[in-house]
């Protein structure tokens, strides 16, 4: 796997401290890099921690309180590697199917829990299934709870192959890739490490490096 270039001095995604939050699926950059995001936290395979420690591949984790509360500690070694922990609700509902008050509760409680457990307030939010991402109701709920961007994706990693949103089935510079903390019961016998290795192979085949999403995002001042 090629090493990612040095982080840009001028980060292309600039977030503000207040107002409407942007919805992003990719990062505007000419660097031949993509960004890996891992959702929910269901599979807690120690070998995956070993793998990331050895490979030093950066990921961004969007964690769900009800799914991780049986083992908050699992994610701390991954965080210690420089991988940031972000908001993915309390119980993983379809956000467009619940009230504004319930949306706010889902986001704010996860925000408070992750901040308490990991010492840093999440800057980013991902709605389960990407549902409701572009609705004013969800945007307001996110603003009220603290995150400053809603993050979607361009590609999804399945067991062995990548699913693309574009007809040419090719990665583009700055694409955000979605994967999950999944184990053999949901990966037809494959392990988390095997799935992740397959994803890295698909990325490498197309000549891309994996960069750290946070290195391309300018957090609000102060």
C-alpha atoms as a PDB file:
ATOM      1  CA  UNK A   1       0.000   0.000   0.000  1.00  0.00           C
ATOM      2  CA  UNK A   2       1.431   3.358  -1.049  1.00  0.00           C
ATOM      3  CA  UNK A   3       1.925   5.915   1.688  1.00  0.00           C
ATOM      4  CA  UNK A   4      -0.432   8.862   1.657  1.00  0.00           C
ATOM      5  CA  UNK A   5       1.040  12.255   0.758  1.00  0.00           C
ATOM      6  CA  UNK A   6       1.634  14.824   3.466  1.00  0.00           C
ATOM      7  CA  UNK A   7      -1.607  16.396   4.711  1.00  0.00           C
ATOM      8  CA  UNK A   8      -2.525  19.563   2.806  1.00  0.00           C
ATOM      9  CA  UNK A   9      -1.549  22.798   4.514  1.00  0.00           C
ATOM     10  CA  UNK A  10      -4.842  24.298   3.349  1.00  0.00           C
ATOM     11  CA  UNK A  11      -7.496  21.768   4.343  1.00  0.00           C
ATOM     12  CA  UNK A  12     -10.179  21.646   1.651  1.00  0.00           C
ATOM     13  CA  UNK A  13     -13.205  21.009   3.909  1.00  0.00           C
ATOM     14  CA  UNK A  14     -13.698  23.978   6.232  1.00  0.00           C
ATOM     15  CA  UNK A  15     -16.332  23.676   8.942  1.00  0.00           C
ATOM     16  CA  UNK A  16     -17.991  26.548  10.757  1.00  0.00           C
ATOM     17  CA  UNK A  17     -18.883  26.830  14.431  1.00  0.00           C
ATOM     18  CA  UNK A  18     -22.575  27.514  13.854  1.00  0.00           C
ATOM     19  CA  UNK A  19     -25.324  27.374  11.257  1.00  0.00           C
ATOM     20  CA  UNK A  20     -26.245  24.696   8.745  1.00  0.00           C
ATOM     21  CA  UNK A  21     -23.820  21.780   8.622  1.00  0.00           C
ATOM     22  CA  UNK A  22     -22.595  20.483   5.239  1.00  0.00           C
ATOM     23  CA  UNK A  23     -23.333  16.990   3.929  1.00  0.00           C
ATOM     24  CA  UNK A  24     -20.221  15.451   2.389  1.00  0.00           C
ATOM     25  CA  UNK A  25     -19.631  12.186   0.510  1.00  0.00           C
ATOM     26  CA  UNK A  26     -16.129  13.006  -0.698  1.00  0.00           C
ATOM     27  CA  UNK A  27     -13.373  15.545  -0.204  1.00  0.00           C
ATOM     28  CA  UNK A  28     -12.343  17.982  -2.932  1.00  0.00           C
ATOM     29  CA  UNK A  29      -8.700  17.073  -3.536  1.00  0.00           C
ATOM     30  CA  UNK A  30      -6.378  16.141  -6.394  1.00  0.00           C
ATOM     31  CA  UNK A  31      -4.393  13.850  -4.099  1.00  0.00           C
ATOM     32  CA  UNK A  32      -4.823  10.227  -5.140  1.00  0.00           C
ATOM     33  CA  UNK A  33      -6.224   9.289  -1.751  1.00  0.00           C
ATOM     34  CA  UNK A  34      -9.408   7.800  -0.350  1.00  0.00           C
ATOM     35  CA  UNK A  35     -10.737   7.698   3.201  1.00  0.00           C
ATOM     36  CA  UNK A  36     -11.915   4.594   5.080  1.00  0.00           C
ATOM     37  CA  UNK A  37     -14.777   4.870   7.555  1.00  0.00           C
ATOM     38  CA  UNK A  38     -15.951   2.041   9.820  1.00  0.00           C
ATOM     39  CA  UNK A  39     -19.455   2.061  11.268  1.00  0.00           C
ATOM     40  CA  UNK A  40     -21.339   0.895  14.348  1.00  0.00           C
ATOM     41  CA  UNK A  41     -18.782  -1.199  16.306  1.00  0.00           C
ATOM     42  CA  UNK A  42     -20.505  -4.594  16.394  1.00  0.00           C
ATOM     43  CA  UNK A  43     -17.422  -6.774  15.795  1.00  0.00           C
ATOM     44  CA  UNK A  44     -14.646  -6.333  18.347  1.00  0.00           C
ATOM     45  CA  UNK A  45     -11.892  -8.551  16.971  1.00  0.00           C
ATOM     46  CA  UNK A  46      -8.539  -8.148  18.792  1.00  0.00           C
ATOM     47  CA  UNK A  47      -6.740  -9.197  15.620  1.00  0.00           C
ATOM     48  CA  UNK A  48      -8.110  -6.128  13.869  1.00  0.00           C
ATOM     49  CA  UNK A  49      -6.471  -3.889  16.467  1.00  0.00           C
ATOM     50  CA  UNK A  50      -3.212  -5.758  15.824  1.00  0.00           C
ATOM     51  CA  UNK A  51      -3.670  -5.322  12.072  1.00  0.00           C
ATOM     52  CA  UNK A  52      -4.161  -1.552  12.254  1.00  0.00           C
ATOM     53  CA  UNK A  53      -1.288  -1.235  14.710  1.00  0.00           C
ATOM     54  CA  UNK A  54       0.995  -3.040  12.255  1.00  0.00           C
ATOM     55  CA  UNK A  55      -0.226  -1.431   9.027  1.00  0.00           C
ATOM     56  CA  UNK A  56      -0.816   2.072  10.390  1.00  0.00           C
ATOM     57  CA  UNK A  57      -3.736   2.534   7.972  1.00  0.00           C
ATOM     58  CA  UNK A  58      -5.916   5.422   9.185  1.00  0.00           C
ATOM     59  CA  UNK A  59      -9.653   4.965   9.645  1.00  0.00           C
ATOM     60  CA  UNK A  60     -12.509   7.052  11.001  1.00  0.00           C
ATOM     61  CA  UNK A  61     -14.939   5.281  13.345  1.00  0.00           C
ATOM     62  CA  UNK A  62     -18.634   6.172  13.525  1.00  0.00           C
ATOM     63  CA  UNK A  63     -19.808   4.401  16.681  1.00  0.00           C
ATOM     64  CA  UNK A  64     -23.281   3.538  17.981  1.00  0.00           C
ATOM     65  CA  UNK A  65     -23.797   3.617  21.759  1.00  0.00           C
ATOM     66  CA  UNK A  66     -26.066   0.587  22.113  1.00  0.00           C
ATOM     67  CA  UNK A  67     -23.669  -1.503  20.012  1.00  0.00           C
ATOM     68  CA  UNK A  68     -20.413  -0.559  21.756  1.00  0.00           C
ATOM     69  CA  UNK A  69     -21.502  -0.147  25.382  1.00  0.00           C
ATOM     70  CA  UNK A  70     -20.619  -3.777  26.197  1.00  0.00           C
ATOM     71  CA  UNK A  71     -16.957  -2.978  25.483  1.00  0.00           C
ATOM     72  CA  UNK A  72     -16.056   0.704  25.211  1.00  0.00           C
ATOM     73  CA  UNK A  73     -12.442  -0.225  25.866  1.00  0.00           C
ATOM     74  CA  UNK A  74     -12.015  -2.124  22.603  1.00  0.00           C
ATOM     75  CA  UNK A  75     -11.910   1.093  20.599  1.00  0.00           C
ATOM     76  CA  UNK A  76      -9.392   2.916  22.795  1.00  0.00           C
ATOM     77  CA  UNK A  77      -6.276   1.279  21.269  1.00  0.00           C
ATOM     78  CA  UNK A  78      -7.649   2.161  17.824  1.00  0.00           C
ATOM     79  CA  UNK A  79      -8.197   5.737  18.986  1.00  0.00           C
ATOM     80  CA  UNK A  80      -4.663   5.815  20.409  1.00  0.00           C
ATOM     81  CA  UNK A  81      -3.367   5.148  16.885  1.00  0.00           C
ATOM     82  CA  UNK A  82      -4.841   8.514  15.848  1.00  0.00           C
ATOM     83  CA  UNK A  83      -8.171   7.227  14.547  1.00  0.00           C
ATOM     84  CA  UNK A  84     -10.969   9.590  15.514  1.00  0.00           C
ATOM     85  CA  UNK A  85     -14.306   8.478  16.952  1.00  0.00           C
ATOM     86  CA  UNK A  86     -17.446  10.048  15.509  1.00  0.00           C
ATOM     87  CA  UNK A  87     -21.212   9.999  16.110  1.00  0.00           C
ATOM     88  CA  UNK A  88     -23.525   7.297  14.691  1.00  0.00           C
ATOM     89  CA  UNK A  89     -26.571   7.574  17.039  1.00  0.00           C
ATOM     90  CA  UNK A  90     -27.605   5.596  20.099  1.00  0.00           C
ATOM     91  CA  UNK A  91     -29.679   2.799  18.550  1.00  0.00           C
ATOM     92  CA  UNK A  92     -29.141   2.995  14.756  1.00  0.00           C
ATOM     93  CA  UNK A  93     -32.667   4.009  13.653  1.00  0.00           C
ATOM     94  CA  UNK A  94     -33.824   5.295  10.289  1.00  0.00           C
ATOM     95  CA  UNK A  95     -33.698   8.983  11.112  1.00  0.00           C
ATOM     96  CA  UNK A  96     -36.423  10.038   8.658  1.00  0.00           C
ATOM     97  CA  UNK A  97     -38.872   7.678  10.435  1.00  0.00           C
ATOM     98  CA  UNK A  98     -38.574   9.297  13.880  1.00  0.00           C
ATOM     99  CA  UNK A  99     -39.576  12.665  15.316  1.00  0.00           C
ATOM    100  CA  UNK A 100     -37.310  15.678  15.569  1.00  0.00           C
ATOM    101  CA  UNK A 101     -37.157  15.205  19.356  1.00  0.00           C
ATOM    102  CA  UNK A 102     -36.138  11.560  18.960  1.00  0.00           C
ATOM    103  CA  UNK A 103     -33.549  12.491  16.338  1.00  0.00           C
ATOM    104  CA  UNK A 104     -32.040  14.996  18.747  1.00  0.00           C
ATOM    105  CA  UNK A 105     -31.985  12.420  21.552  1.00  0.00           C
ATOM    106  CA  UNK A 106     -30.308   9.806  19.347  1.00  0.00           C
ATOM    107  CA  UNK A 107     -27.543  12.211  18.341  1.00  0.00           C
ATOM    108  CA  UNK A 108     -27.084  14.143  21.580  1.00  0.00           C
ATOM    109  CA  UNK A 109     -26.933  11.083  23.849  1.00  0.00           C
ATOM    110  CA  UNK A 110     -24.398   9.392  21.581  1.00  0.00           C
ATOM    111  CA  UNK A 111     -22.427  12.650  21.464  1.00  0.00           C
ATOM    112  CA  UNK A 112     -22.329  12.895  25.255  1.00  0.00           C
ATOM    113  CA  UNK A 113     -21.472   9.221  25.717  1.00  0.00           C
ATOM    114  CA  UNK A 114     -18.636   9.198  23.181  1.00  0.00           C
ATOM    115  CA  UNK A 115     -17.245  12.445  24.585  1.00  0.00           C
ATOM    116  CA  UNK A 116     -17.254  10.987  28.103  1.00  0.00           C
ATOM    117  CA  UNK A 117     -15.776   7.630  27.098  1.00  0.00           C
ATOM    118  CA  UNK A 118     -13.111   8.841  24.679  1.00  0.00           C
ATOM    119  CA  UNK A 119     -12.324  12.361  25.862  1.00  0.00           C
ATOM    120  CA  UNK A 120     -13.061  14.174  22.593  1.00  0.00           C
ATOM    121  CA  UNK A 121     -16.373  15.446  21.270  1.00  0.00           C
ATOM    122  CA  UNK A 122     -17.212  13.995  17.836  1.00  0.00           C
ATOM    123  CA  UNK A 123     -16.922  16.545  15.046  1.00  0.00           C
ATOM    124  CA  UNK A 124     -18.771  14.442  12.457  1.00  0.00           C
ATOM    125  CA  UNK A 125     -22.108  12.624  12.301  1.00  0.00           C
ATOM    126  CA  UNK A 126     -23.258   9.800  10.062  1.00  0.00           C
ATOM    127  CA  UNK A 127     -26.964   8.910   9.911  1.00  0.00           C
ATOM    128  CA  UNK A 128     -27.663   5.155   9.840  1.00  0.00           C
ATOM    129  CA  UNK A 129     -28.234   3.982   6.254  1.00  0.00           C
ATOM    130  CA  UNK A 130     -27.540   7.574   5.146  1.00  0.00           C
ATOM    131  CA  UNK A 131     -31.230   8.120   5.837  1.00  0.00           C
ATOM    132  CA  UNK A 132     -32.517  11.676   6.155  1.00  0.00           C
ATOM    133  CA  UNK A 133     -29.081  13.183   5.549  1.00  0.00           C
ATOM    134  CA  UNK A 134     -30.358  16.053   3.430  1.00  0.00           C
ATOM    135  CA  UNK A 135     -33.444  16.941   5.463  1.00  0.00           C
ATOM    136  CA  UNK A 136     -33.671  20.243   7.378  1.00  0.00           C
ATOM    137  CA  UNK A 137     -34.944  18.371  10.449  1.00  0.00           C
ATOM    138  CA  UNK A 138     -31.858  16.187  10.707  1.00  0.00           C
ATOM    139  CA  UNK A 139     -29.541  19.096   9.959  1.00  0.00           C
ATOM    140  CA  UNK A 140     -31.058  21.057  12.837  1.00  0.00           C
ATOM    141  CA  UNK A 141     -30.767  18.069  15.172  1.00  0.00           C
ATOM    142  CA  UNK A 142     -27.094  17.668  14.309  1.00  0.00           C
ATOM    143  CA  UNK A 143     -26.459  21.361  14.914  1.00  0.00           C
ATOM    144  CA  UNK A 144     -28.131  21.165  18.337  1.00  0.00           C
ATOM    145  CA  UNK A 145     -25.957  18.241  19.426  1.00  0.00           C
ATOM    146  CA  UNK A 146     -22.512  19.453  18.388  1.00  0.00           C
ATOM    147  CA  UNK A 147     -21.200  17.729  15.246  1.00  0.00           C
ATOM    148  CA  UNK A 148     -20.349  20.144  12.436  1.00  0.00           C
ATOM    149  CA  UNK A 149     -20.748  17.943   9.334  1.00  0.00           C
ATOM    150  CA  UNK A 150     -22.857  15.039   8.120  1.00  0.00           C
ATOM    151  CA  UNK A 151     -20.683  12.427   6.428  1.00  0.00           C
ATOM    152  CA  UNK A 152     -21.961   9.986   3.787  1.00  0.00           C
ATOM    153  CA  UNK A 153     -19.905   7.898   1.327  1.00  0.00           C
ATOM    154  CA  UNK A 154     -19.192   7.073  -2.324  1.00  0.00           C
ATOM    155  CA  UNK A 155     -18.361   3.368  -2.054  1.00  0.00           C
ATOM    156  CA  UNK A 156     -19.359   0.524   0.253  1.00  0.00           C
ATOM    157  CA  UNK A 157     -17.105  -2.426   1.057  1.00  0.00           C
ATOM    158  CA  UNK A 158     -18.890  -5.759   1.112  1.00  0.00           C
ATOM    159  CA  UNK A 159     -17.238  -9.111   1.885  1.00  0.00           C
ATOM    160  CA  UNK A 160     -14.832  -9.274  -1.056  1.00  0.00           C
ATOM    161  CA  UNK A 161     -15.820  -6.455  -3.384  1.00  0.00           C
ATOM    162  CA  UNK A 162     -16.504  -2.758  -3.428  1.00  0.00           C
ATOM    163  CA  UNK A 163     -19.921  -1.410  -4.400  1.00  0.00           C
ATOM    164  CA  UNK A 164     -19.812   1.851  -6.345  1.00  0.00           C
ATOM    165  CA  UNK A 165     -22.356   4.618  -6.801  1.00  0.00           C
ATOM    166  CA  UNK A 166     -20.956   5.521 -10.219  1.00  0.00           C
ATOM    167  CA  UNK A 167     -21.336   3.512 -13.419  1.00  0.00           C
ATOM    168  CA  UNK A 168     -17.598   3.410 -14.153  1.00  0.00           C
ATOM    169  CA  UNK A 169     -16.963   1.538 -10.879  1.00  0.00           C
ATOM    170  CA  UNK A 170     -13.785   3.431 -10.146  1.00  0.00           C
ATOM    171  CA  UNK A 171     -12.458   5.236  -7.115  1.00  0.00           C
ATOM    172  CA  UNK A 172     -12.009   8.996  -7.410  1.00  0.00           C
ATOM    173  CA  UNK A 173      -9.603  11.214  -5.464  1.00  0.00           C
ATOM    174  CA  UNK A 174     -11.156  12.139  -2.142  1.00  0.00           C
ATOM    175  CA  UNK A 175     -13.805   9.401  -2.064  1.00  0.00           C
ATOM    176  CA  UNK A 176     -15.108   8.288   1.316  1.00  0.00           C
ATOM    177  CA  UNK A 177     -15.524   4.504   1.636  1.00  0.00           C
ATOM    178  CA  UNK A 178     -18.009   2.907   4.026  1.00  0.00           C
ATOM    179  CA  UNK A 179     -17.262  -0.370   5.805  1.00  0.00           C
ATOM    180  CA  UNK A 180     -18.470  -1.856   9.084  1.00  0.00           C
ATOM    181  CA  UNK A 181     -17.160  -3.597  12.159  1.00  0.00           C
ATOM    182  CA  UNK A 182     -18.354  -7.034  11.069  1.00  0.00           C
ATOM    183  CA  UNK A 183     -17.365 -10.623  11.835  1.00  0.00           C
ATOM    184  CA  UNK A 184     -17.831 -14.142  10.443  1.00  0.00           C
ATOM    185  CA  UNK A 185     -21.538 -14.357  11.315  1.00  0.00           C
ATOM    186  CA  UNK A 186     -22.289 -11.473   8.958  1.00  0.00           C
ATOM    187  CA  UNK A 187     -19.431 -11.902   6.484  1.00  0.00           C
ATOM    188  CA  UNK A 188     -20.257 -15.477   5.467  1.00  0.00           C
ATOM    189  CA  UNK A 189     -17.396 -16.850   7.521  1.00  0.00           C
ATOM    190  CA  UNK A 190     -14.843 -14.134   6.725  1.00  0.00           C
ATOM    191  CA  UNK A 191     -13.106 -12.250   9.519  1.00  0.00           C
ATOM    192  CA  UNK A 192     -12.934  -8.495  10.007  1.00  0.00           C
ATOM    193  CA  UNK A 193      -9.239  -8.584   9.121  1.00  0.00           C
ATOM    194  CA  UNK A 194      -9.866 -10.543   5.922  1.00  0.00           C
ATOM    195  CA  UNK A 195     -12.552  -8.078   4.814  1.00  0.00           C
ATOM    196  CA  UNK A 196     -10.292  -5.130   5.595  1.00  0.00           C
ATOM    197  CA  UNK A 197      -7.415  -6.739   3.694  1.00  0.00           C
ATOM    198  CA  UNK A 198      -9.670  -7.224   0.665  1.00  0.00           C
ATOM    199  CA  UNK A 199     -10.669  -3.569   0.849  1.00  0.00           C
ATOM    200  CA  UNK A 200      -7.036  -2.468   0.923  1.00  0.00           C
ATOM    201  CA  UNK A 201      -6.366  -4.667  -2.113  1.00  0.00           C
ATOM    202  CA  UNK A 202      -9.199  -3.022  -4.060  1.00  0.00           C
ATOM    203  CA  UNK A 203      -7.804   0.404  -3.142  1.00  0.00           C
ATOM    204  CA  UNK A 204      -4.223  -0.531  -4.003  1.00  0.00           C
ATOM    205  CA  UNK A 205      -5.231  -2.064  -7.346  1.00  0.00           C
ATOM    206  CA  UNK A 206      -6.490   1.330  -8.456  1.00  0.00           C
ATOM    207  CA  UNK A 207      -3.334   3.111  -7.328  1.00  0.00           C
ATOM    208  CA  UNK A 208      -4.772   4.942  -4.344  1.00  0.00           C
ATOM    209  CA  UNK A 209      -3.417   5.533  -0.862  1.00  0.00           C
ATOM    210  CA  UNK A 210      -5.495   5.768   2.318  1.00  0.00           C
ATOM    211  CA  UNK A 211      -5.358   9.149   4.040  1.00  0.00           C
ATOM    212  CA  UNK A 212      -6.716  10.360   7.360  1.00  0.00           C
ATOM    213  CA  UNK A 213     -10.048  12.120   6.889  1.00  0.00           C
ATOM    214  CA  UNK A 214      -9.335  14.564   9.700  1.00  0.00           C
ATOM    215  CA  UNK A 215      -6.228  15.790   7.885  1.00  0.00           C
ATOM    216  CA  UNK A 216      -8.455  17.183   5.131  1.00  0.00           C
ATOM    217  CA  UNK A 217     -11.064  18.796   7.404  1.00  0.00           C
ATOM    218  CA  UNK A 218     -10.584  22.161   9.088  1.00  0.00           C
ATOM    219  CA  UNK A 219     -12.434  22.142  12.388  1.00  0.00           C
ATOM    220  CA  UNK A 220     -14.108  25.366  13.508  1.00  0.00           C
ATOM    221  CA  UNK A 221     -11.798  27.839  15.208  1.00  0.00           C
ATOM    222  CA  UNK A 222     -11.894  27.798  18.978  1.00  0.00           C
END
